[in-house]
Amino acid sequence: MQSHSKLKQRENLNTIQINFDPDFQPNLISDPLRINQIITNLVSNAIKFTKEGTITITVNQISLINDISTFKVEVKDTGIGIDKENFQHIFQKFSQAETKTYRQFGGTGLGLV
């Protein structure tokens, strides 16, 4: 069975590109469950709010000190976007940038609290 995100990606005719820093060293002290949850939420929302576009996931090594990696993950899309004045709201528990977006696309926000 295919995941909901994979089906939505096909339904919306999106292309997903993944750019991985070739120097990335995956030696981390982290909460892998939380990191997975955040990346999954960002990618799922990019898929949901992008139609016939491109979603780019980029992982970059920022530093490597004592064999511990600091890295950055970016998820960019060509979707509807979020107005700058609404950025502060997307990090609130169960909120979206605009109520009209909820009516059109459904959901409860990014869940990045």
PDB file of N, CA and C in Angstrom:
ATOM      1  N   MET A   1       0.841  -1.186   0.000  1.00  0.00           N
ATOM      2  CA  MET A   1       0.000   0.000   0.000  1.00  0.00           C
ATOM      3  C   MET A   1       0.886   1.250   0.000  1.00  0.00           C
ATOM      4  N   GLN A   2       0.538   2.236  -0.808  1.00  0.00           N
ATOM      5  CA  GLN A   2       1.317   3.458  -0.883  1.00  0.00           C
ATOM      6  C   GLN A   2       0.902   4.431   0.214  1.00  0.00           C
ATOM      7  N   SER A   3       1.854   5.256   0.634  1.00  0.00           N
ATOM      8  CA  SER A   3       1.552   6.239   1.664  1.00  0.00           C
ATOM      9  C   SER A   3       0.653   7.337   1.102  1.00  0.00           C
ATOM     10  N   HIS A   4      -0.037   8.023   2.018  1.00  0.00           N
ATOM     11  CA  HIS A   4      -0.916   9.128   1.639  1.00  0.00           C
ATOM     12  C   HIS A   4      -0.128  10.222   0.920  1.00  0.00           C
ATOM     13  N   SER A   5       1.082  10.540   1.421  1.00  0.00           N
ATOM     14  CA  SER A   5       1.900  11.587   0.807  1.00  0.00           C
ATOM     15  C   SER A   5       2.288  11.231  -0.615  1.00  0.00           C
ATOM     16  N   LYS A   6       2.647   9.975  -0.851  1.00  0.00           N
ATOM     17  CA  LYS A   6       3.039   9.539  -2.194  1.00  0.00           C
ATOM     18  C   LYS A   6       1.852   9.647  -3.154  1.00  0.00           C
ATOM     19  N   LEU A   7       0.676   9.253  -2.688  1.00  0.00           N
ATOM     20  CA  LEU A   7      -0.524   9.354  -3.523  1.00  0.00           C
ATOM     21  C   LEU A   7      -0.845  10.818  -3.817  1.00  0.00           C
ATOM     22  N   LYS A   8      -0.733  11.682  -2.809  1.00  0.00           N
ATOM     23  CA  LYS A   8      -1.027  13.105  -2.978  1.00  0.00           C
ATOM     24  C   LYS A   8      -0.018  13.738  -3.940  1.00  0.00           C
ATOM     25  N   GLN A   9       1.252  13.316  -3.846  1.00  0.00           N
ATOM     26  CA  GLN A   9       2.272  13.831  -4.752  1.00  0.00           C
ATOM     27  C   GLN A   9       1.879  13.547  -6.190  1.00  0.00           C
ATOM     28  N   ARG A  10       1.454  12.327  -6.467  1.00  0.00           N
ATOM     29  CA  ARG A  10       1.037  11.960  -7.824  1.00  0.00           C
ATOM     30  C   ARG A  10      -0.230  12.695  -8.235  1.00  0.00           C
ATOM     31  N   GLU A  11      -1.189  12.785  -7.312  1.00  0.00           N
ATOM     32  CA  GLU A  11      -2.458  13.459  -7.605  1.00  0.00           C
ATOM     33  C   GLU A  11      -2.217  14.919  -7.978  1.00  0.00           C
ATOM     34  N   ASN A  12      -1.292  15.581  -7.292  1.00  0.00           N
ATOM     35  CA  ASN A  12      -1.010  16.989  -7.546  1.00  0.00           C
ATOM     36  C   ASN A  12       0.020  17.184  -8.655  1.00  0.00           C
ATOM     37  N   LEU A  13       0.525  16.100  -9.238  1.00  0.00           N
ATOM     38  CA  LEU A  13       1.500  16.142 -10.329  1.00  0.00           C
ATOM     39  C   LEU A  13       2.769  16.888  -9.930  1.00  0.00           C
ATOM     40  N   ASN A  14       3.261  16.623  -8.734  1.00  0.00           N
ATOM     41  CA  ASN A  14       4.465  17.266  -8.232  1.00  0.00           C
ATOM     42  C   ASN A  14       5.706  16.446  -8.525  1.00  0.00           C
ATOM     43  N   THR A  15       6.825  17.143  -8.591  1.00  0.00           N
ATOM     44  CA  THR A  15       8.134  16.520  -8.688  1.00  0.00           C
ATOM     45  C   THR A  15       8.849  16.784  -7.371  1.00  0.00           C
ATOM     46  N   ILE A  16       9.480  15.756  -6.805  1.00  0.00           N
ATOM     47  CA  ILE A  16      10.255  15.926  -5.577  1.00  0.00           C
ATOM     48  C   ILE A  16      11.723  15.734  -5.913  1.00  0.00           C
ATOM     49  N   GLN A  17      12.535  16.724  -5.521  1.00  0.00           N
ATOM     50  CA  GLN A  17      13.981  16.656  -5.695  1.00  0.00           C
ATOM     51  C   GLN A  17      14.624  16.584  -4.317  1.00  0.00           C
ATOM     52  N   ILE A  18      15.637  15.741  -4.191  1.00  0.00           N
ATOM     53  CA  ILE A  18      16.366  15.629  -2.927  1.00  0.00           C
ATOM     54  C   ILE A  18      17.829  15.941  -3.202  1.00  0.00           C
ATOM     55  N   ASN A  19      18.349  16.939  -2.488  1.00  0.00           N
ATOM     56  CA  ASN A  19      19.751  17.342  -2.603  1.00  0.00           C
ATOM     57  C   ASN A  19      20.438  17.042  -1.280  1.00  0.00           C
ATOM     58  N   PHE A  20      21.396  16.150  -1.306  1.00  0.00           N
ATOM     59  CA  PHE A  20      22.079  15.720  -0.098  1.00  0.00           C
ATOM     60  C   PHE A  20      23.534  16.144  -0.184  1.00  0.00           C
ATOM     61  N   ASP A  21      23.997  16.910   0.798  1.00  0.00           N
ATOM     62  CA  ASP A  21      25.387  17.342   0.852  1.00  0.00           C
ATOM     63  C   ASP A  21      26.290  16.110   0.863  1.00  0.00           C
ATOM     64  N   PRO A  22      27.174  15.972  -0.125  1.00  0.00           N
ATOM     65  CA  PRO A  22      28.028  14.785  -0.187  1.00  0.00           C
ATOM     66  C   PRO A  22      28.997  14.687   0.998  1.00  0.00           C
ATOM     67  N   ASP A  23      29.220  15.813   1.698  1.00  0.00           N
ATOM     68  CA  ASP A  23      30.115  15.804   2.861  1.00  0.00           C
ATOM     69  C   ASP A  23      29.391  15.531   4.175  1.00  0.00           C
ATOM     70  N   PHE A  24      28.080  15.335   4.113  1.00  0.00           N
ATOM     71  CA  PHE A  24      27.300  15.131   5.337  1.00  0.00           C
ATOM     72  C   PHE A  24      27.762  13.885   6.073  1.00  0.00           C
ATOM     73  N   GLN A  25      28.018  14.048   7.369  1.00  0.00           N
ATOM     74  CA  GLN A  25      28.390  12.942   8.244  1.00  0.00           C
ATOM     75  C   GLN A  25      27.245  12.731   9.230  1.00  0.00           C
ATOM     76  N   PRO A  26      26.514  11.639   9.119  1.00  0.00           N
ATOM     77  CA  PRO A  26      25.321  11.454   9.951  1.00  0.00           C
ATOM     78  C   PRO A  26      25.611  10.997  11.388  1.00  0.00           C
ATOM     79  N   ASN A  27      26.556  11.665  12.042  1.00  0.00           N
ATOM     80  CA  ASN A  27      26.842  11.381  13.446  1.00  0.00           C
ATOM     81  C   ASN A  27      26.161  12.451  14.284  1.00  0.00           C
ATOM     82  N   LEU A  28      25.033  12.116  14.881  1.00  0.00           N
ATOM     83  CA  LEU A  28      24.228  13.109  15.573  1.00  0.00           C
ATOM     84  C   LEU A  28      23.887  12.668  16.987  1.00  0.00           C
ATOM     85  N   ILE A  29      23.664  13.662  17.812  1.00  0.00           N
ATOM     86  CA  ILE A  29      23.001  13.439  19.092  1.00  0.00           C
ATOM     87  C   ILE A  29      21.669  14.137  18.916  1.00  0.00           C
ATOM     88  N   SER A  30      20.603  13.356  18.841  1.00  0.00           N
ATOM     89  CA  SER A  30      19.328  13.969  18.472  1.00  0.00           C
ATOM     90  C   SER A  30      18.158  13.156  18.995  1.00  0.00           C
ATOM     91  N   ASP A  31      16.993  13.667  18.691  1.00  0.00           N
ATOM     92  CA  ASP A  31      15.748  12.970  18.926  1.00  0.00           C
ATOM     93  C   ASP A  31      15.236  12.562  17.547  1.00  0.00           C
ATOM     94  N   PRO A  32      15.609  11.363  17.069  1.00  0.00           N
ATOM     95  CA  PRO A  32      15.261  10.985  15.698  1.00  0.00           C
ATOM     96  C   PRO A  32      13.760  10.976  15.429  1.00  0.00           C
ATOM     97  N   LEU A  33      12.965  10.639  16.420  1.00  0.00           N
ATOM     98  CA  LEU A  33      11.516  10.647  16.243  1.00  0.00           C
ATOM     99  C   LEU A  33      11.018  12.055  15.948  1.00  0.00           C
ATOM    100  N   ARG A  34      11.511  13.025  16.723  1.00  0.00           N
ATOM    101  CA  ARG A  34      11.091  14.422  16.545  1.00  0.00           C
ATOM    102  C   ARG A  34      11.585  14.971  15.203  1.00  0.00           C
ATOM    103  N   ILE A  35      12.831  14.690  14.845  1.00  0.00           N
ATOM    104  CA  ILE A  35      13.361  15.156  13.567  1.00  0.00           C
ATOM    105  C   ILE A  35      12.542  14.575  12.422  1.00  0.00           C
ATOM    106  N   ASN A  36      12.245  13.288  12.496  1.00  0.00           N
ATOM    107  CA  ASN A  36      11.421  12.651  11.462  1.00  0.00           C
ATOM    108  C   ASN A  36      10.043  13.295  11.389  1.00  0.00           C
ATOM    109  N   GLN A  37       9.449  13.575  12.544  1.00  0.00           N
ATOM    110  CA  GLN A  37       8.123  14.183  12.584  1.00  0.00           C
ATOM    111  C   GLN A  37       8.128  15.568  11.930  1.00  0.00           C
ATOM    112  N   ILE A  38       9.133  16.371  12.224  1.00  0.00           N
ATOM    113  CA  ILE A  38       9.211  17.724  11.667  1.00  0.00           C
ATOM    114  C   ILE A  38       9.396  17.664  10.155  1.00  0.00           C
ATOM    115  N   ILE A  39      10.337  16.841   9.693  1.00  0.00           N
ATOM    116  CA  ILE A  39      10.583  16.746   8.250  1.00  0.00           C
ATOM    117  C   ILE A  39       9.357  16.189   7.533  1.00  0.00           C
ATOM    118  N   THR A  40       8.725  15.178   8.121  1.00  0.00           N
ATOM    119  CA  THR A  40       7.520  14.605   7.522  1.00  0.00           C
ATOM    120  C   THR A  40       6.416  15.651   7.416  1.00  0.00           C
ATOM    121  N   ASN A  41       6.212  16.450   8.468  1.00  0.00           N
ATOM    122  CA  ASN A  41       5.194  17.506   8.437  1.00  0.00           C
ATOM    123  C   ASN A  41       5.494  18.540   7.353  1.00  0.00           C
ATOM    124  N   LEU A  42       6.754  18.970   7.264  1.00  0.00           N
ATOM    125  CA  LEU A  42       7.116  19.969   6.263  1.00  0.00           C
ATOM    126  C   LEU A  42       6.908  19.441   4.842  1.00  0.00           C
ATOM    127  N   VAL A  43       7.344  18.199   4.592  1.00  0.00           N
ATOM    128  CA  VAL A  43       7.198  17.622   3.253  1.00  0.00           C
ATOM    129  C   VAL A  43       5.723  17.376   2.936  1.00  0.00           C
ATOM    130  N   SER A  44       4.967  16.851   3.893  1.00  0.00           N
ATOM    131  CA  SER A  44       3.538  16.597   3.671  1.00  0.00           C
ATOM    132  C   SER A  44       2.796  17.884   3.337  1.00  0.00           C
ATOM    133  N   ASN A  45       3.118  18.956   4.044  1.00  0.00           N
ATOM    134  CA  ASN A  45       2.459  20.232   3.765  1.00  0.00           C
ATOM    135  C   ASN A  45       2.908  20.810   2.434  1.00  0.00           C
ATOM    136  N   ALA A  46       4.164  20.635   2.077  1.00  0.00           N
ATOM    137  CA  ALA A  46       4.626  21.093   0.764  1.00  0.00           C
ATOM    138  C   ALA A  46       3.866  20.367  -0.334  1.00  0.00           C
ATOM    139  N   ILE A  47       3.685  19.067  -0.175  1.00  0.00           N
ATOM    140  CA  ILE A  47       2.933  18.282  -1.160  1.00  0.00           C
ATOM    141  C   ILE A  47       1.479  18.754  -1.210  1.00  0.00           C
ATOM    142  N   LYS A  48       0.905  18.953  -0.048  1.00  0.00           N
ATOM    143  CA  LYS A  48      -0.511  19.328   0.043  1.00  0.00           C
ATOM    144  C   LYS A  48      -0.806  20.677  -0.614  1.00  0.00           C
ATOM    145  N   PHE A  49       0.112  21.639  -0.454  1.00  0.00           N
ATOM    146  CA  PHE A  49      -0.145  22.999  -0.914  1.00  0.00           C
ATOM    147  C   PHE A  49       0.537  23.331  -2.240  1.00  0.00           C
ATOM    148  N   THR A  50       1.065  22.320  -2.926  1.00  0.00           N
ATOM    149  CA  THR A  50       1.723  22.532  -4.216  1.00  0.00           C
ATOM    150  C   THR A  50       1.008  21.695  -5.260  1.00  0.00           C
ATOM    151  N   LYS A  51       0.619  22.315  -6.337  1.00  0.00           N
ATOM    152  CA  LYS A  51      -0.026  21.610  -7.443  1.00  0.00           C
ATOM    153  C   LYS A  51       0.807  21.811  -8.707  1.00  0.00           C
ATOM    154  N   GLU A  52       1.150  20.693  -9.337  1.00  0.00           N
ATOM    155  CA  GLU A  52       1.947  20.706 -10.564  1.00  0.00           C
ATOM    156  C   GLU A  52       3.219  21.528 -10.390  1.00  0.00           C
ATOM    157  N   GLY A  53       3.913  21.302  -9.286  1.00  0.00           N
ATOM    158  CA  GLY A  53       5.116  22.069  -8.992  1.00  0.00           C
ATOM    159  C   GLY A  53       6.268  21.188  -8.562  1.00  0.00           C
ATOM    160  N   THR A  54       7.209  21.827  -7.901  1.00  0.00           N
ATOM    161  CA  THR A  54       8.412  21.142  -7.453  1.00  0.00           C
ATOM    162  C   THR A  54       8.591  21.337  -5.957  1.00  0.00           C
ATOM    163  N   ILE A  55       8.973  20.264  -5.289  1.00  0.00           N
ATOM    164  CA  ILE A  55       9.302  20.285  -3.863  1.00  0.00           C
ATOM    165  C   ILE A  55      10.760  19.851  -3.776  1.00  0.00           C
ATOM    166  N   THR A  56      11.577  20.688  -3.153  1.00  0.00           N
ATOM    167  CA  THR A  56      13.000  20.402  -3.050  1.00  0.00           C
ATOM    168  C   THR A  56      13.372  20.237  -1.578  1.00  0.00           C
ATOM    169  N   ILE A  57      13.975  19.108  -1.271  1.00  0.00           N
ATOM    170  CA  ILE A  57      14.443  18.814   0.083  1.00  0.00           C
ATOM    171  C   ILE A  57      15.968  18.844   0.021  1.00  0.00           C
ATOM    172  N   THR A  58      16.578  19.700   0.854  1.00  0.00           N
ATOM    173  CA  THR A  58      18.029  19.849   0.853  1.00  0.00           C
ATOM    174  C   THR A  58      18.564  19.609   2.258  1.00  0.00           C
ATOM    175  N   VAL A  59      19.597  18.768   2.349  1.00  0.00           N
ATOM    176  CA  VAL A  59      20.287  18.510   3.621  1.00  0.00           C
ATOM    177  C   VAL A  59      21.714  19.001   3.453  1.00  0.00           C
ATOM    178  N   ASN A  60      22.130  19.960   4.307  1.00  0.00           N
ATOM    179  CA  ASN A  60      23.483  20.515   4.256  1.00  0.00           C
ATOM    180  C   ASN A  60      24.198  20.345   5.582  1.00  0.00           C
ATOM    181  N   GLN A  61      25.449  19.957   5.500  1.00  0.00           N
ATOM    182  CA  GLN A  61      26.325  19.893   6.667  1.00  0.00           C
ATOM    183  C   GLN A  61      26.717  21.311   7.027  1.00  0.00           C
ATOM    184  N   ILE A  62      26.481  21.729   8.269  1.00  0.00           N
ATOM    185  CA  ILE A  62      26.888  23.055   8.711  1.00  0.00           C
ATOM    186  C   ILE A  62      28.256  22.974   9.369  1.00  0.00           C
ATOM    187  N   SER A  63      28.416  21.980  10.252  1.00  0.00           N
ATOM    188  CA  SER A  63      29.710  21.790  10.900  1.00  0.00           C
ATOM    189  C   SER A  63      29.853  20.345  11.351  1.00  0.00           C
ATOM    190  N   LEU A  64      31.084  19.964  11.603  1.00  0.00           N
ATOM    191  CA  LEU A  64      31.402  18.653  12.145  1.00  0.00           C
ATOM    192  C   LEU A  64      32.492  18.874  13.188  1.00  0.00           C
ATOM    193  N   ILE A  65      32.109  18.785  14.455  1.00  0.00           N
ATOM    194  CA  ILE A  65      33.031  19.029  15.557  1.00  0.00           C
ATOM    195  C   ILE A  65      33.057  17.784  16.431  1.00  0.00           C
ATOM    196  N   ASN A  66      34.256  17.237  16.630  1.00  0.00           N
ATOM    197  CA  ASN A  66      34.415  16.007  17.419  1.00  0.00           C
ATOM    198  C   ASN A  66      33.491  14.908  16.930  1.00  0.00           C
ATOM    199  N   ASP A  67      33.404  14.761  15.624  1.00  0.00           N
ATOM    200  CA  ASP A  67      32.572  13.741  14.975  1.00  0.00           C
ATOM    201  C   ASP A  67      31.075  13.898  15.239  1.00  0.00           C
ATOM    202  N   ILE A  68      30.644  15.092  15.645  1.00  0.00           N
ATOM    203  CA  ILE A  68      29.212  15.365  15.845  1.00  0.00           C
ATOM    204  C   ILE A  68      28.777  16.370  14.779  1.00  0.00           C
ATOM    205  N   SER A  69      27.739  16.006  14.033  1.00  0.00           N
ATOM    206  CA  SER A  69      27.250  16.831  12.932  1.00  0.00           C
ATOM    207  C   SER A  69      26.232  17.860  13.390  1.00  0.00           C
ATOM    208  N   THR A  70      26.344  19.038  12.818  1.00  0.00           N
ATOM    209  CA  THR A  70      25.278  20.028  12.859  1.00  0.00           C
ATOM    210  C   THR A  70      24.866  20.192  11.405  1.00  0.00           C
ATOM    211  N   PHE A  71      23.578  20.078  11.156  1.00  0.00           N
ATOM    212  CA  PHE A  71      23.117  20.109   9.778  1.00  0.00           C
ATOM    213  C   PHE A  71      21.833  20.913   9.662  1.00  0.00           C
ATOM    214  N   LYS A  72      21.495  21.237   8.431  1.00  0.00           N
ATOM    215  CA  LYS A  72      20.276  22.002   8.160  1.00  0.00           C
ATOM    216  C   LYS A  72      19.477  21.266   7.100  1.00  0.00           C
ATOM    217  N   VAL A  73      18.163  21.172   7.335  1.00  0.00           N
ATOM    218  CA  VAL A  73      17.250  20.593   6.360  1.00  0.00           C
ATOM    219  C   VAL A  73      16.326  21.709   5.884  1.00  0.00           C
ATOM    220  N   GLU A  74      16.239  21.870   4.572  1.00  0.00           N
ATOM    221  CA  GLU A  74      15.343  22.857   3.988  1.00  0.00           C
ATOM    222  C   GLU A  74      14.324  22.143   3.117  1.00  0.00           C
ATOM    223  N   VAL A  75      13.081  22.583   3.225  1.00  0.00           N
ATOM    224  CA  VAL A  75      12.028  22.093   2.342  1.00  0.00           C
ATOM    225  C   VAL A  75      11.463  23.322   1.642  1.00  0.00           C
ATOM    226  N   LYS A  76      11.659  23.367   0.329  1.00  0.00           N
ATOM    227  CA  LYS A  76      11.157  24.488  -0.474  1.00  0.00           C
ATOM    228  C   LYS A  76      10.168  23.934  -1.482  1.00  0.00           C
ATOM    229  N   ASP A  77       9.151  24.736  -1.783  1.00  0.00           N
ATOM    230  CA  ASP A  77       8.181  24.298  -2.784  1.00  0.00           C
ATOM    231  C   ASP A  77       7.722  25.481  -3.614  1.00  0.00           C
ATOM    232  N   THR A  78       7.027  25.175  -4.689  1.00  0.00           N
ATOM    233  CA  THR A  78       6.492  26.207  -5.572  1.00  0.00           C
ATOM    234  C   THR A  78       4.994  26.369  -5.346  1.00  0.00           C
ATOM    235  N   GLY A  79       4.551  26.028  -4.136  1.00  0.00           N
ATOM    236  CA  GLY A  79       3.130  26.081  -3.793  1.00  0.00           C
ATOM    237  C   GLY A  79       2.639  27.480  -3.479  1.00  0.00           C
ATOM    238  N   ILE A  80       1.522  27.533  -2.746  1.00  0.00           N
ATOM    239  CA  ILE A  80       0.834  28.804  -2.505  1.00  0.00           C
ATOM    240  C   ILE A  80       1.584  29.738  -1.575  1.00  0.00           C
ATOM    241  N   GLY A  81       2.485  29.212  -0.753  1.00  0.00           N
ATOM    242  CA  GLY A  81       3.297  30.043   0.129  1.00  0.00           C
ATOM    243  C   GLY A  81       2.532  30.561   1.334  1.00  0.00           C
ATOM    244  N   ILE A  82       3.269  31.255   2.192  1.00  0.00           N
ATOM    245  CA  ILE A  82       2.716  31.837   3.415  1.00  0.00           C
ATOM    246  C   ILE A  82       3.168  33.291   3.458  1.00  0.00           C
ATOM    247  N   ASP A  83       2.230  34.205   3.662  1.00  0.00           N
ATOM    248  CA  ASP A  83       2.587  35.613   3.798  1.00  0.00           C
ATOM    249  C   ASP A  83       3.482  35.792   5.019  1.00  0.00           C
ATOM    250  N   LYS A  84       4.473  36.699   4.904  1.00  0.00           N
ATOM    251  CA  LYS A  84       5.430  36.913   5.995  1.00  0.00           C
ATOM    252  C   LYS A  84       4.745  37.260   7.312  1.00  0.00           C
ATOM    253  N   GLU A  85       3.656  38.015   7.243  1.00  0.00           N
ATOM    254  CA  GLU A  85       2.977  38.403   8.490  1.00  0.00           C
ATOM    255  C   GLU A  85       2.319  37.215   9.190  1.00  0.00           C
ATOM    256  N   ASN A  86       2.196  36.087   8.502  1.00  0.00           N
ATOM    257  CA  ASN A  86       1.599  34.894   9.108  1.00  0.00           C
ATOM    258  C   ASN A  86       2.623  33.870   9.589  1.00  0.00           C
ATOM    259  N   PHE A  87       3.934  34.137   9.387  1.00  0.00           N
ATOM    260  CA  PHE A  87       4.962  33.184   9.815  1.00  0.00           C
ATOM    261  C   PHE A  87       4.860  32.837  11.293  1.00  0.00           C
ATOM    262  N   GLN A  88       4.609  33.834  12.141  1.00  0.00           N
ATOM    263  CA  GLN A  88       4.567  33.602  13.584  1.00  0.00           C
ATOM    264  C   GLN A  88       3.458  32.633  13.970  1.00  0.00           C
ATOM    265  N   HIS A  89       2.393  32.566  13.196  1.00  0.00           N
ATOM    266  CA  HIS A  89       1.254  31.718  13.532  1.00  0.00           C
ATOM    267  C   HIS A  89       1.493  30.238  13.254  1.00  0.00           C
ATOM    268  N   ILE A  90       2.353  29.916  12.282  1.00  0.00           N
ATOM    269  CA  ILE A  90       2.507  28.509  11.907  1.00  0.00           C
ATOM    270  C   ILE A  90       3.231  27.696  12.972  1.00  0.00           C
ATOM    271  N   PHE A  91       3.881  28.361  13.921  1.00  0.00           N
ATOM    272  CA  PHE A  91       4.556  27.636  14.994  1.00  0.00           C
ATOM    273  C   PHE A  91       3.697  27.532  16.251  1.00  0.00           C
ATOM    274  N   GLN A  92       2.443  27.966  16.161  1.00  0.00           N
ATOM    275  CA  GLN A  92       1.500  27.817  17.259  1.00  0.00           C
ATOM    276  C   GLN A  92       0.856  26.442  17.171  1.00  0.00           C
ATOM    277  N   LYS A  93       0.482  25.906  18.289  1.00  0.00           N
ATOM    278  CA  LYS A  93      -0.133  24.583  18.302  1.00  0.00           C
ATOM    279  C   LYS A  93      -1.447  24.602  17.515  1.00  0.00           C
ATOM    280  N   PHE A  94      -1.569  23.695  16.558  1.00  0.00           N
ATOM    281  CA  PHE A  94      -2.784  23.485  15.756  1.00  0.00           C
ATOM    282  C   PHE A  94      -3.330  24.759  15.141  1.00  0.00           C
ATOM    283  N   SER A  95      -2.478  25.491  14.430  1.00  0.00           N
ATOM    284  CA  SER A  95      -2.989  26.663  13.725  1.00  0.00           C
ATOM    285  C   SER A  95      -2.435  26.689  12.309  1.00  0.00           C
ATOM    286  N   GLN A  96      -3.146  27.404  11.460  1.00  0.00           N
ATOM    287  CA  GLN A  96      -2.709  27.609  10.087  1.00  0.00           C
ATOM    288  C   GLN A  96      -2.617  29.095   9.836  1.00  0.00           C
ATOM    289  N   ALA A  97      -1.956  29.439   8.751  1.00  0.00           N
ATOM    290  CA  ALA A  97      -1.753  30.853   8.438  1.00  0.00           C
ATOM    291  C   ALA A  97      -3.075  31.572   8.218  1.00  0.00           C
ATOM    292  N   GLU A  98      -4.007  30.926   7.530  1.00  0.00           N
ATOM    293  CA  GLU A  98      -5.280  31.572   7.221  1.00  0.00           C
ATOM    294  C   GLU A  98      -6.402  30.555   7.313  1.00  0.00           C
ATOM    295  N   THR A  99      -7.575  30.994   7.768  1.00  0.00           N
ATOM    296  CA  THR A  99      -8.710  30.074   7.861  1.00  0.00           C
ATOM    297  C   THR A  99      -9.226  29.661   6.495  1.00  0.00           C
ATOM    298  N   LYS A 100      -9.110  30.524   5.486  1.00  0.00           N
ATOM    299  CA  LYS A 100      -9.564  30.136   4.149  1.00  0.00           C
ATOM    300  C   LYS A 100      -8.725  28.978   3.606  1.00  0.00           C
ATOM    301  N   THR A 101      -7.450  28.906   4.009  1.00  0.00           N
ATOM    302  CA  THR A 101      -6.586  27.792   3.607  1.00  0.00           C
ATOM    303  C   THR A 101      -7.109  26.502   4.205  1.00  0.00           C
ATOM    304  N   TYR A 102      -7.517  26.545   5.470  1.00  0.00           N
ATOM    305  CA  TYR A 102      -8.056  25.348   6.129  1.00  0.00           C
ATOM    306  C   TYR A 102      -9.292  24.851   5.386  1.00  0.00           C
ATOM    307  N   ARG A 103     -10.171  25.777   5.015  1.00  0.00           N
ATOM    308  CA  ARG A 103     -11.391  25.374   4.314  1.00  0.00           C
ATOM    309  C   ARG A 103     -11.083  24.726   2.967  1.00  0.00           C
ATOM    310  N   GLN A 104     -10.067  25.250   2.273  1.00  0.00           N
ATOM    311  CA  GLN A 104      -9.735  24.708   0.946  1.00  0.00           C
ATOM    312  C   GLN A 104      -8.924  23.414   1.033  1.00  0.00           C
ATOM    313  N   PHE A 105      -7.955  23.345   1.966  1.00  0.00           N
ATOM    314  CA  PHE A 105      -7.032  22.219   1.982  1.00  0.00           C
ATOM    315  C   PHE A 105      -7.200  21.285   3.179  1.00  0.00           C
ATOM    316  N   GLY A 106      -7.896  21.732   4.235  1.00  0.00           N
ATOM    317  CA  GLY A 106      -8.042  20.910   5.428  1.00  0.00           C
ATOM    318  C   GLY A 106      -6.773  20.923   6.250  1.00  0.00           C
ATOM    319  N   GLY A 107      -6.761  20.183   7.363  1.00  0.00           N
ATOM    320  CA  GLY A 107      -5.573  20.053   8.183  1.00  0.00           C
ATOM    321  C   GLY A 107      -5.602  20.928   9.406  1.00  0.00           C
ATOM    322  N   THR A 108      -4.543  20.794  10.193  1.00  0.00           N
ATOM    323  CA  THR A 108      -4.475  21.509  11.469  1.00  0.00           C
ATOM    324  C   THR A 108      -3.195  22.310  11.614  1.00  0.00           C
ATOM    325  N   GLY A 109      -2.497  22.596  10.542  1.00  0.00           N
ATOM    326  CA  GLY A 109      -1.265  23.368  10.617  1.00  0.00           C
ATOM    327  C   GLY A 109      -0.057  22.466  10.591  1.00  0.00           C
ATOM    328  N   LEU A 110       1.117  23.077  10.707  1.00  0.00           N
ATOM    329  CA  LEU A 110       2.348  22.316  10.597  1.00  0.00           C
ATOM    330  C   LEU A 110       2.629  21.436  11.808  1.00  0.00           C
ATOM    331  N   GLY A 111       2.129  21.797  12.971  1.00  0.00           N
ATOM    332  CA  GLY A 111       2.409  21.014  14.158  1.00  0.00           C
ATOM    333  C   GLY A 111       3.870  21.083  14.558  1.00  0.00           C
ATOM    334  N   LEU A 112       4.472  22.266  14.437  1.00  0.00           N
ATOM    335  CA  LEU A 112       5.897  22.417  14.717  1.00  0.00           C
ATOM    336  C   LEU A 112       6.187  22.905  16.120  1.00  0.00           C
ATOM    337  N   VAL A 113       5.199  22.933  16.989  1.00  0.00           N
ATOM    338  CA  VAL A 113       5.416  23.431  18.343  1.00  0.00           C
ATOM    339  C   VAL A 113       6.443  22.630  19.004  1.00  0.00           C
TER     340      VAL A 113
END
